[in-house]
Structures are given as C-alpha cells and as structure tokens.
Amino acid sequence: MRESDFSGSTFNGAYLEKAVAYKANFPGVDLSDTLTDRMVLNEANLSNAILLRTVLTRSDLGGAIIEGADFSDAVLDLPQKHALCKYVTRVSTRVSLGCGNKRRNAYG
C-alpha cells in the first residue's frame, strides 16, 4: 500500500490491521467502521477522509495530512490524538478529534 492512490475509494468496514500505507493517498476516502489497529499512515494524505468509528489504536499518523478529515467517534490513543491536535487547523477536523476538549471520554 506504500505510496498508492486510493482517491475516492470506499473501505467501509475493512480490516486493515498492521497495514503499511506510507505516503499513500486517501483523499475523500470512506474509512468508516474500519479496523486500522497498528496501521502505518506516516505522511499519508487523509484530507477530507471519513473516519467515523474507525479504530486507530497504536497506529502511526506522523506527518499525515488530515485537513477536513472527520474523526467523529474514532478510537485513537490519547498521545496520538494530542499529536494530531497540535497541527490540525480546520475547525471541523479539530471538533471531530475533540481537540481542546477538557473532558475525557471513552475515546481519550
């Protein structure tokens, strides 16, 4: 999956555990309800991707482009969530990640 282009694809409900998608393109992709536990998404383009209820535990999103992505009800490790919140600027993405939310919920 390294450097692959999945633009406009649908991975709804897919099982992508331990997949390596370094520098892969996922703009506008539907990743809702996917299991992406321990997935490598370094420098991947997730702009405008839909990650509703996606499990991203122990995944690596270092340097990923997430502007416009929807992380509503996604499960992320707390350190990963904090790292993503540091460099995301689009309000809708910040809200879906829960950036700046003082209350912790089941998803961190």
C-alpha atoms as a PDB file:
ATOM      1  CA  MET A   1       0.000   0.000   0.000  1.00  0.00           C
ATOM      2  CA  ARG A   2       3.030   2.292   0.130  1.00  0.00           C
ATOM      3  CA  GLU A   3       2.589   5.409  -1.997  1.00  0.00           C
ATOM      4  CA  SER A   4      -0.642   4.024  -3.509  1.00  0.00           C
ATOM      5  CA  ASP A   5      -3.535   6.206  -4.655  1.00  0.00           C
ATOM      6  CA  PHE A   6      -6.926   5.291  -3.185  1.00  0.00           C
ATOM      7  CA  SER A   7      -8.683   8.565  -4.076  1.00  0.00           C
ATOM      8  CA  GLY A   8     -12.458   8.274  -3.829  1.00  0.00           C
ATOM      9  CA  SER A   9     -12.371   4.619  -2.694  1.00  0.00           C
ATOM     10  CA  THR A  10     -14.580   3.048  -0.052  1.00  0.00           C
ATOM     11  CA  PHE A  11     -13.034   0.916   2.677  1.00  0.00           C
ATOM     12  CA  ASN A  12     -16.156   0.925   4.853  1.00  0.00           C
ATOM     13  CA  GLY A  13     -15.838  -1.880   7.425  1.00  0.00           C
ATOM     14  CA  ALA A  14     -12.463  -3.067   6.101  1.00  0.00           C
ATOM     15  CA  TYR A  15      -9.853  -4.834   8.202  1.00  0.00           C
ATOM     16  CA  LEU A  16      -6.502  -3.055   7.700  1.00  0.00           C
ATOM     17  CA  GLU A  17      -4.653  -4.138  10.830  1.00  0.00           C
ATOM     18  CA  LYS A  18      -0.861  -3.654  10.588  1.00  0.00           C
ATOM     19  CA  ALA A  19      -1.094  -2.343   7.017  1.00  0.00           C
ATOM     20  CA  VAL A  20       1.705  -0.065   5.839  1.00  0.00           C
ATOM     21  CA  ALA A  21       0.368   2.880   3.844  1.00  0.00           C
ATOM     22  CA  TYR A  22       3.383   5.191   3.941  1.00  0.00           C
ATOM     23  CA  LYS A  23       2.745   8.285   1.776  1.00  0.00           C
ATOM     24  CA  ALA A  24      -0.473   6.730   0.441  1.00  0.00           C
ATOM     25  CA  ASN A  25      -3.254   8.960  -0.889  1.00  0.00           C
ATOM     26  CA  PHE A  26      -6.680   8.620   0.749  1.00  0.00           C
ATOM     27  CA  PRO A  27      -8.343  11.982  -0.091  1.00  0.00           C
ATOM     28  CA  GLY A  28     -12.116  11.768   0.318  1.00  0.00           C
ATOM     29  CA  VAL A  29     -11.924   8.048   1.113  1.00  0.00           C
ATOM     30  CA  ASP A  30     -14.600   6.443   3.310  1.00  0.00           C
ATOM     31  CA  LEU A  31     -12.790   4.560   6.088  1.00  0.00           C
ATOM     32  CA  SER A  32     -15.847   4.396   8.360  1.00  0.00           C
ATOM     33  CA  ASP A  33     -16.036   1.449  10.743  1.00  0.00           C
ATOM     34  CA  THR A  34     -12.607   0.120   9.715  1.00  0.00           C
ATOM     35  CA  LEU A  35     -10.147  -1.628  11.998  1.00  0.00           C
ATOM     36  CA  THR A  36      -6.808   0.056  11.362  1.00  0.00           C
ATOM     37  CA  ASP A  37      -5.089  -1.034  14.567  1.00  0.00           C
ATOM     38  CA  ARG A  38      -1.294  -0.581  14.332  1.00  0.00           C
ATOM     39  CA  MET A  39      -1.537   0.791  10.785  1.00  0.00           C
ATOM     40  CA  VAL A  40       1.344   2.911   9.461  1.00  0.00           C
ATOM     41  CA  LEU A  41      -0.008   6.093   7.868  1.00  0.00           C
ATOM     42  CA  ASN A  42       3.128   8.248   8.001  1.00  0.00           C
ATOM     43  CA  GLU A  43       2.862  11.190   5.601  1.00  0.00           C
ATOM     44  CA  ALA A  44      -0.386   9.762   4.184  1.00  0.00           C
ATOM     45  CA  ASN A  45      -2.923  12.146   2.650  1.00  0.00           C
ATOM     46  CA  LEU A  46      -6.184  11.739   4.581  1.00  0.00           C
ATOM     47  CA  SER A  47      -7.629  15.111   3.555  1.00  0.00           C
ATOM     48  CA  ASN A  48     -11.439  15.056   3.621  1.00  0.00           C
ATOM     49  CA  ALA A  49     -11.418  11.347   4.519  1.00  0.00           C
ATOM     50  CA  ILE A  50     -14.301   9.949   6.572  1.00  0.00           C
ATOM     51  CA  LEU A  51     -13.039   8.008   9.592  1.00  0.00           C
ATOM     52  CA  LEU A  52     -16.299   7.642  11.535  1.00  0.00           C
ATOM     53  CA  ARG A  53     -15.980   4.990  14.276  1.00  0.00           C
ATOM     54  CA  THR A  54     -12.595   3.907  12.893  1.00  0.00           C
ATOM     55  CA  VAL A  55     -10.284   2.104  15.334  1.00  0.00           C
ATOM     56  CA  LEU A  56      -6.837   3.696  15.043  1.00  0.00           C
ATOM     57  CA  THR A  57      -5.247   2.324  18.220  1.00  0.00           C
ATOM     58  CA  ARG A  58      -1.457   2.128  18.146  1.00  0.00           C
ATOM     59  CA  SER A  59      -1.487   3.486  14.580  1.00  0.00           C
ATOM     60  CA  ASP A  60       1.170   5.925  13.391  1.00  0.00           C
ATOM     61  CA  LEU A  61      -0.119   9.061  11.650  1.00  0.00           C
ATOM     62  CA  GLY A  62       3.111  11.051  11.893  1.00  0.00           C
ATOM     63  CA  GLY A  63       3.177  13.767   9.242  1.00  0.00           C
ATOM     64  CA  ALA A  64      -0.221  12.741   7.842  1.00  0.00           C
ATOM     65  CA  ILE A  65      -2.344  15.379   6.088  1.00  0.00           C
ATOM     66  CA  ILE A  66      -5.689  15.371   7.918  1.00  0.00           C
ATOM     67  CA  GLU A  67      -7.282  18.692   6.944  1.00  0.00           C
ATOM     68  CA  GLY A  68     -11.025  18.227   6.513  1.00  0.00           C
ATOM     69  CA  ALA A  69     -10.947  14.627   7.777  1.00  0.00           C
ATOM     70  CA  ASP A  70     -13.838  13.532  10.014  1.00  0.00           C
ATOM     71  CA  PHE A  71     -12.706  11.548  13.075  1.00  0.00           C
ATOM     72  CA  SER A  72     -16.129  11.515  14.786  1.00  0.00           C
ATOM     73  CA  ASP A  73     -16.337   8.642  17.297  1.00  0.00           C
ATOM     74  CA  ALA A  74     -12.972   7.282  16.095  1.00  0.00           C
ATOM     75  CA  VAL A  75     -10.867   5.437  18.672  1.00  0.00           C
ATOM     76  CA  LEU A  76      -7.349   6.874  18.951  1.00  0.00           C
ATOM     77  CA  ASP A  77      -4.658   6.563  21.583  1.00  0.00           C
ATOM     78  CA  LEU A  78      -4.530   9.715  23.689  1.00  0.00           C
ATOM     79  CA  PRO A  79      -0.914  10.596  22.702  1.00  0.00           C
ATOM     80  CA  GLN A  80      -1.831  10.200  19.003  1.00  0.00           C
ATOM     81  CA  LYS A  81      -4.892  12.416  19.432  1.00  0.00           C
ATOM     82  CA  HIS A  82      -2.801  15.105  21.125  1.00  0.00           C
ATOM     83  CA  ALA A  83      -0.182  14.917  18.355  1.00  0.00           C
ATOM     84  CA  LEU A  84      -2.848  15.332  15.648  1.00  0.00           C
ATOM     85  CA  CYS A  85      -4.460  18.237  17.503  1.00  0.00           C
ATOM     86  CA  LYS A  86      -1.140  20.110  17.524  1.00  0.00           C
ATOM     87  CA  TYR A  87      -1.041  20.643  13.777  1.00  0.00           C
ATOM     88  CA  VAL A  88      -4.620  20.455  12.515  1.00  0.00           C
ATOM     89  CA  THR A  89      -6.180  23.834  11.721  1.00  0.00           C
ATOM     90  CA  ARG A  90      -9.585  23.179  10.151  1.00  0.00           C
ATOM     91  CA  VAL A  91     -12.309  23.629  12.765  1.00  0.00           C
ATOM     92  CA  SER A  92     -14.425  20.652  11.665  1.00  0.00           C
ATOM     93  CA  THR A  93     -11.448  18.292  11.983  1.00  0.00           C
ATOM     94  CA  ARG A  94     -10.478  19.754  15.376  1.00  0.00           C
ATOM     95  CA  VAL A  95     -14.045  19.259  16.636  1.00  0.00           C
ATOM     96  CA  SER A  96     -14.286  15.673  15.373  1.00  0.00           C
ATOM     97  CA  LEU A  97     -10.969  14.857  17.110  1.00  0.00           C
ATOM     98  CA  GLY A  98     -12.130  16.535  20.311  1.00  0.00           C
ATOM     99  CA  CYS A  99      -9.170  18.938  20.365  1.00  0.00           C
ATOM    100  CA  GLY A 100      -9.273  21.316  23.300  1.00  0.00           C
ATOM    101  CA  ASN A 101     -11.968  19.279  24.996  1.00  0.00           C
ATOM    102  CA  LYS A 102     -11.144  19.304  28.710  1.00  0.00           C
ATOM    103  CA  ARG A 103     -13.474  16.388  29.396  1.00  0.00           C
ATOM    104  CA  ARG A 104     -12.134  12.952  28.575  1.00  0.00           C
ATOM    105  CA  ASN A 105     -14.489  10.429  27.093  1.00  0.00           C
ATOM    106  CA  ALA A 106     -14.118   6.734  26.265  1.00  0.00           C
ATOM    107  CA  TYR A 107     -12.011   7.675  23.238  1.00  0.00           C
ATOM    108  CA  GLY A 108      -9.499   9.859  25.099  1.00  0.00           C
END
